[in-house]
């Protein structure tokens, strides 16, 4: 089965405040069921969290620091009506890359 990939969101690069959401307006509202393939790179070793309901925050990478200057790819499974966003509980983090692609029909 062929893949269909569509860019859903580019998260603005730059300095990120502690516990502040990365996507504005506040959350990315999902209008379809599927999978988002997400790539994130940050400038210092730090933790990153995401939410699918706008209030419950889950750690990426088992709560371990993402390494500075490395690109991390992961999938988030979403449903219509989910509110997706990202943040860091740490200070001094600058986002170098933030991209989410919708993956459809992956075999």
C-alpha atoms as a PDB file:
ATOM      1  CA  UNK A   1       0.000   0.000   0.000  1.00  0.00           C
ATOM      2  CA  UNK A   2       1.358   3.440  -0.906  1.00  0.00           C
ATOM      3  CA  UNK A   3       2.026   6.163   1.616  1.00  0.00           C
ATOM      4  CA  UNK A   4       0.402   9.544   1.429  1.00  0.00           C
ATOM      5  CA  UNK A   5       2.280  12.193   3.418  1.00  0.00           C
ATOM      6  CA  UNK A   6       0.931  15.695   3.963  1.00  0.00           C
ATOM      7  CA  UNK A   7       2.571  18.454   5.994  1.00  0.00           C
ATOM      8  CA  UNK A   8       0.200  19.285   8.841  1.00  0.00           C
ATOM      9  CA  UNK A   9       2.123  21.821  10.863  1.00  0.00           C
ATOM     10  CA  UNK A  10       5.505  23.488  11.102  1.00  0.00           C
ATOM     11  CA  UNK A  11       6.219  24.450  14.697  1.00  0.00           C
ATOM     12  CA  UNK A  12       7.881  27.890  14.825  1.00  0.00           C
ATOM     13  CA  UNK A  13      11.602  27.619  15.611  1.00  0.00           C
ATOM     14  CA  UNK A  14      13.132  29.688  18.372  1.00  0.00           C
ATOM     15  CA  UNK A  15      13.380  30.008  22.137  1.00  0.00           C
ATOM     16  CA  UNK A  16      10.702  28.143  24.093  1.00  0.00           C
ATOM     17  CA  UNK A  17       9.658  29.205  27.582  1.00  0.00           C
ATOM     18  CA  UNK A  18       9.299  26.638  30.332  1.00  0.00           C
ATOM     19  CA  UNK A  19       5.868  24.913  30.151  1.00  0.00           C
ATOM     20  CA  UNK A  20       4.639  27.252  27.377  1.00  0.00           C
ATOM     21  CA  UNK A  21       2.861  25.633  24.414  1.00  0.00           C
ATOM     22  CA  UNK A  22       4.720  25.579  21.111  1.00  0.00           C
ATOM     23  CA  UNK A  23       1.762  25.772  18.716  1.00  0.00           C
ATOM     24  CA  UNK A  24      -0.545  28.783  18.679  1.00  0.00           C
ATOM     25  CA  UNK A  25      -3.449  29.206  18.666  1.00  0.00           C
ATOM     26  CA  UNK A  26      -3.232  27.140  21.820  1.00  0.00           C
ATOM     27  CA  UNK A  27      -3.616  23.679  20.237  1.00  0.00           C
ATOM     28  CA  UNK A  28      -3.735  22.070  16.810  1.00  0.00           C
ATOM     29  CA  UNK A  29      -7.304  20.731  16.465  1.00  0.00           C
ATOM     30  CA  UNK A  30      -7.376  17.427  14.603  1.00  0.00           C
ATOM     31  CA  UNK A  31     -10.141  16.915  12.059  1.00  0.00           C
ATOM     32  CA  UNK A  32      -9.350  13.321  11.081  1.00  0.00           C
ATOM     33  CA  UNK A  33      -8.228  10.000  12.526  1.00  0.00           C
ATOM     34  CA  UNK A  34      -4.674   9.044  11.690  1.00  0.00           C
ATOM     35  CA  UNK A  35      -1.035   9.184  12.552  1.00  0.00           C
ATOM     36  CA  UNK A  36       1.234  12.193  12.755  1.00  0.00           C
ATOM     37  CA  UNK A  37       4.908  11.650  12.117  1.00  0.00           C
ATOM     38  CA  UNK A  38       6.725  14.294  14.144  1.00  0.00           C
ATOM     39  CA  UNK A  39      10.336  15.479  13.922  1.00  0.00           C
ATOM     40  CA  UNK A  40      11.867  17.610  16.664  1.00  0.00           C
ATOM     41  CA  UNK A  41      15.398  18.915  17.236  1.00  0.00           C
ATOM     42  CA  UNK A  42      16.468  21.170  20.108  1.00  0.00           C
ATOM     43  CA  UNK A  43      19.688  23.002  20.963  1.00  0.00           C
ATOM     44  CA  UNK A  44      20.381  21.654  24.473  1.00  0.00           C
ATOM     45  CA  UNK A  45      19.799  18.352  26.255  1.00  0.00           C
ATOM     46  CA  UNK A  46      16.237  18.680  27.568  1.00  0.00           C
ATOM     47  CA  UNK A  47      12.907  16.900  27.938  1.00  0.00           C
ATOM     48  CA  UNK A  48       9.918  17.410  25.649  1.00  0.00           C
ATOM     49  CA  UNK A  49       6.238  16.684  26.300  1.00  0.00           C
ATOM     50  CA  UNK A  50       3.136  16.473  24.109  1.00  0.00           C
ATOM     51  CA  UNK A  51      -0.613  16.426  24.689  1.00  0.00           C
ATOM     52  CA  UNK A  52      -3.533  15.087  22.676  1.00  0.00           C
ATOM     53  CA  UNK A  53      -6.262  16.467  24.942  1.00  0.00           C
ATOM     54  CA  UNK A  54      -4.864  19.919  25.711  1.00  0.00           C
ATOM     55  CA  UNK A  55      -4.308  19.211  29.414  1.00  0.00           C
ATOM     56  CA  UNK A  56      -2.611  15.830  30.019  1.00  0.00           C
ATOM     57  CA  UNK A  57       1.109  16.079  29.221  1.00  0.00           C
ATOM     58  CA  UNK A  58       3.149  12.994  28.271  1.00  0.00           C
ATOM     59  CA  UNK A  59       6.909  12.760  27.914  1.00  0.00           C
ATOM     60  CA  UNK A  60       8.600  11.867  24.650  1.00  0.00           C
ATOM     61  CA  UNK A  61      11.566   9.464  24.938  1.00  0.00           C
ATOM     62  CA  UNK A  62      10.434   8.006  28.295  1.00  0.00           C
ATOM     63  CA  UNK A  63      11.096  11.324  30.031  1.00  0.00           C
ATOM     64  CA  UNK A  64      14.786  11.192  29.154  1.00  0.00           C
ATOM     65  CA  UNK A  65      16.509  14.242  27.698  1.00  0.00           C
ATOM     66  CA  UNK A  66      16.548  14.634  23.953  1.00  0.00           C
ATOM     67  CA  UNK A  67      20.161  15.241  22.969  1.00  0.00           C
ATOM     68  CA  UNK A  68      21.266  18.629  21.662  1.00  0.00           C
ATOM     69  CA  UNK A  69      21.470  18.933  17.890  1.00  0.00           C
ATOM     70  CA  UNK A  70      19.891  15.519  17.196  1.00  0.00           C
ATOM     71  CA  UNK A  71      16.710  14.983  15.214  1.00  0.00           C
ATOM     72  CA  UNK A  72      14.079  12.792  16.859  1.00  0.00           C
ATOM     73  CA  UNK A  73      11.222  11.217  14.923  1.00  0.00           C
ATOM     74  CA  UNK A  74       8.140   9.678  16.509  1.00  0.00           C
ATOM     75  CA  UNK A  75       4.504   8.933  15.693  1.00  0.00           C
ATOM     76  CA  UNK A  76       1.472  10.294  17.521  1.00  0.00           C
ATOM     77  CA  UNK A  77      -1.848   8.562  16.918  1.00  0.00           C
ATOM     78  CA  UNK A  78      -4.707  11.045  16.796  1.00  0.00           C
ATOM     79  CA  UNK A  79      -8.491  11.127  16.547  1.00  0.00           C
ATOM     80  CA  UNK A  80     -10.875  13.764  15.305  1.00  0.00           C
ATOM     81  CA  UNK A  81     -11.254  16.421  17.997  1.00  0.00           C
ATOM     82  CA  UNK A  82      -7.838  15.851  19.611  1.00  0.00           C
ATOM     83  CA  UNK A  83      -5.929  18.964  20.656  1.00  0.00           C
ATOM     84  CA  UNK A  84      -2.222  18.402  20.007  1.00  0.00           C
ATOM     85  CA  UNK A  85       0.599  20.533  21.345  1.00  0.00           C
ATOM     86  CA  UNK A  86       4.164  20.373  22.647  1.00  0.00           C
ATOM     87  CA  UNK A  87       6.168  22.000  25.439  1.00  0.00           C
ATOM     88  CA  UNK A  88       9.282  21.568  27.548  1.00  0.00           C
ATOM     89  CA  UNK A  89       9.342  21.507  31.354  1.00  0.00           C
ATOM     90  CA  UNK A  90      12.974  22.669  31.190  1.00  0.00           C
ATOM     91  CA  UNK A  91      14.494  26.128  30.738  1.00  0.00           C
ATOM     92  CA  UNK A  92      16.755  27.547  28.038  1.00  0.00           C
ATOM     93  CA  UNK A  93      15.457  25.391  25.180  1.00  0.00           C
ATOM     94  CA  UNK A  94      15.521  26.589  21.580  1.00  0.00           C
ATOM     95  CA  UNK A  95      13.619  24.594  18.963  1.00  0.00           C
ATOM     96  CA  UNK A  96      15.756  23.989  15.878  1.00  0.00           C
ATOM     97  CA  UNK A  97      13.260  21.842  13.937  1.00  0.00           C
ATOM     98  CA  UNK A  98       9.595  21.107  14.516  1.00  0.00           C
ATOM     99  CA  UNK A  99       7.519  19.410  11.845  1.00  0.00           C
ATOM    100  CA  UNK A 100       4.407  17.221  11.821  1.00  0.00           C
ATOM    101  CA  UNK A 101       3.271  15.233   8.805  1.00  0.00           C
ATOM    102  CA  UNK A 102       0.005  13.349   8.412  1.00  0.00           C
ATOM    103  CA  UNK A 103       0.675   9.752   7.330  1.00  0.00           C
ATOM    104  CA  UNK A 104      -2.152   8.044   5.456  1.00  0.00           C
ATOM    105  CA  UNK A 105      -2.417   4.572   3.990  1.00  0.00           C
ATOM    106  CA  UNK A 106       0.879   3.308   5.370  1.00  0.00           C
ATOM    107  CA  UNK A 107       1.279  -0.400   4.695  1.00  0.00           C
END
